[in-house]
Amino acid sequence: MKTLGLVSRLSVFGFGLTLIACLINPLVAVAHQSCPGHHNHNLHLNTVDLNTGVTLQYAERGHGKGNVVVFLHGYTDSWFSFSSVIENLPGRFHAYAITQRGHGDSDKPEVASEYEIDRFVNDFIAFLDHFRIRRVSLVGHSMGSIIAQRIAMDHPDRIKKLVLIGATADPSTNPELIGLKQYVDTLEDPIDPDFIYNFQASTVYNPLEEEFLNRVVMESQKVPAFVWKAALTGLVNADYVAELPSITAPTLIVWGDKDGLFLMDDQITLEAGISDSTLLVYENAGHGLHWEDPIRFAYDLAAFLFR
């Protein structure tokens, strides 16, 4: 196990406290800052009917089955979460960004049990089978990283390499998630757009380009209240600490030292539990570090996949 980018001093901002402050204070404007990278010119959007009973939207760039990378977004996000990253990957990669069930323009089953982690896992395997792809490199952010861990544990033969961004192996004891769930359980449609804006803005340390953040918010507005509740319930029921040694794929753990949701202790647990793992720390970056610096993340991702 290796750690890159040692951090001598952590000053972590509380995700839950930030979110609560946003809810009770007037909306704080996010400064305009150019989000580096391209703007989806080479991404193709499509849908696929899976044998799990759902139709999922996905974005795609590239061709072939030799260097396939699949991206799984975080809670209430969509394919758009990885758009700038994919645009900055070398052309040799065939990239897919899946909009998972309940999110974006994908199907939204109306039964709460349809959002247990295993359902997302089954969709991923069905997606690969549909396109007759045997093995892929898998990248997951936040909720997507927890789903990715479960996939790597249950289907090691399908995963070449694993990348976890803003991750934890045990969301079940996370106080910020538990506090968020208490609020989310009160949500009703239509969800206040100011809440969604502040929820997403609180996940980054550096300001995002307003156009990019507004698109992120727009994607989250497509998620109905019952999915906000059901997906978060499925998330906080997960605890994979004891099963981490079963992950055999070479794994890159990427974490921003200003992430107030999943902390350094979570990264140490992941690194200790996954034998072939490397921890890469981004200084002065938050939970959504791939939004804050997509060019750097795309470079680091490609370097890891090329190894």
Foldseek 3Di string as FASTA:
>chain_A
DAEADDDPDFDADALQVLLVVLVVDDHDDFDADEQDADDQPQWDWDWDQFPLGKIWIKIKHADDQPAEEEEEEAQQFALLLCRRLVRQADRVYIYMYIGFELFFPIHHDPDLVCQALVNRLVVVVRVCVVVVHQAYAYEYAHLGLQSQLVNLLVPVRRYQEYEYALDFQALLPFPSLVSVLVVLVPDAPPGDLSSLLSSVQSQKQHGARPVSSVVRSVRSSSRGSSSSNSNSVSSNVGHCLVPLCSRAHQYEYEYESHENRDHPVRVVSNPVSHPRYYYYYDYSIGSSNCRRHSNVVSVVVNVVSVD
